[in-house]
Amino acid sequence: MAKLEQILKKIMLIVGILGVLIIYSGFLYLFFSGRSTATLPWFLLISPWICIYFGLTQAQQIAVIYWFVNKFSFKKKTK
């Protein structure tokens, strides 16, 4: 079962990376060619990142969560 899980994680990682490349290159093409990007749903731009996240190891997933918490916490820093 662990071997199957590793294979699926690699597939998710590959699909996510390809999704980022294809979807974002298409988005940038539409954006810079002057065509409307209003018809693109927001989850279309987020979905490849979800595949990448679930393709990571558990330690990397936890590191990503800590990074988001530290990045987006609005605590006032004391000197």
Protein backbone atom coordinates (compact mmCIF):
# COMPACT_ATOMS: atom_id res chain seq x y z
CA MET A 1 0.00 0.00 0.00
CA ALA A 2 2.88 2.39 0.73
CA LYS A 3 4.26 1.88 -2.79
CA LEU A 4 0.88 2.77 -4.31
CA GLU A 5 0.72 5.89 -2.15
CA GLN A 6 4.18 6.99 -3.32
CA ILE A 7 3.22 6.47 -6.95
CA LEU A 8 0.01 8.46 -6.51
CA LYS A 9 1.87 11.29 -4.76
CA LYS A 10 4.33 11.51 -7.66
CA ILE A 11 1.48 11.52 -10.15
CA MET A 12 -0.25 14.33 -8.20
CA LEU A 13 3.00 16.30 -8.15
CA ILE A 14 3.54 15.87 -11.90
CA VAL A 15 -0.08 16.73 -12.72
CA GLY A 16 0.11 19.79 -10.48
CA ILE A 17 3.33 21.08 -12.04
CA LEU A 18 2.01 20.53 -15.56
CA GLY A 19 -1.25 22.19 -14.54
CA VAL A 20 0.57 25.26 -13.25
CA LEU A 21 2.57 25.53 -16.47
CA ILE A 22 -0.37 25.05 -18.82
CA ILE A 23 -3.05 27.00 -16.95
CA TYR A 24 -0.84 29.95 -16.02
CA SER A 25 0.71 30.20 -19.49
CA GLY A 26 -2.81 30.27 -20.94
CA PHE A 27 -3.89 32.85 -18.39
CA LEU A 28 -0.87 35.05 -19.13
CA TYR A 29 -1.47 34.69 -22.87
CA LEU A 30 -5.06 35.88 -22.47
CA PHE A 31 -4.00 38.64 -20.10
CA PHE A 32 -1.23 40.08 -22.27
CA SER A 33 -3.13 39.68 -25.54
CA GLY A 34 -5.81 41.96 -24.16
CA ARG A 35 -8.57 39.35 -24.01
CA SER A 36 -10.88 39.14 -21.06
CA THR A 37 -9.93 36.79 -18.25
CA ALA A 38 -13.20 37.45 -16.41
CA THR A 39 -14.67 34.13 -17.57
CA LEU A 40 -11.96 32.12 -15.79
CA PRO A 41 -13.17 30.88 -12.41
CA TRP A 42 -10.82 31.52 -9.50
CA PHE A 43 -10.56 27.84 -8.59
CA LEU A 44 -9.05 27.11 -12.01
CA LEU A 45 -5.93 29.02 -10.96
CA ILE A 46 -5.79 27.37 -7.52
CA SER A 47 -6.48 23.74 -8.43
CA PRO A 48 -2.96 22.83 -9.69
CA TRP A 49 -1.50 24.10 -6.42
CA ILE A 50 -3.78 21.73 -4.53
CA CYS A 51 -2.41 18.83 -6.59
CA ILE A 52 1.13 19.96 -5.82
CA TYR A 53 0.34 20.23 -2.10
CA PHE A 54 -1.04 16.68 -1.92
CA GLY A 55 1.91 15.42 -3.94
CA LEU A 56 4.32 16.56 -1.23
CA THR A 57 5.48 14.43 1.68
CA GLN A 58 3.77 14.92 5.03
CA ALA A 59 6.77 16.85 6.42
CA GLN A 60 6.70 19.17 3.41
CA GLN A 61 2.95 19.68 3.79
CA ILE A 62 3.40 20.69 7.42
CA ALA A 63 6.21 23.06 6.41
CA VAL A 64 3.89 24.66 3.86
CA ILE A 65 1.20 25.16 6.51
CA TYR A 66 3.70 26.77 8.88
CA TRP A 67 4.94 29.00 6.07
CA PHE A 68 1.38 30.19 5.34
CA VAL A 69 0.70 30.82 9.02
CA ASN A 70 3.91 32.85 9.39
CA LYS A 71 3.39 34.66 6.09
CA PHE A 72 -0.18 35.71 6.75
CA SER A 73 -0.20 36.28 10.49
CA PHE A 74 -0.64 39.92 11.32
CA LYS A 75 1.02 39.96 14.71
CA LYS A 76 2.76 43.13 15.65
CA LYS A 77 6.48 42.55 15.92
CA THR A 78 8.09 43.85 19.07
CA LYS A 79 11.64 45.12 19.09
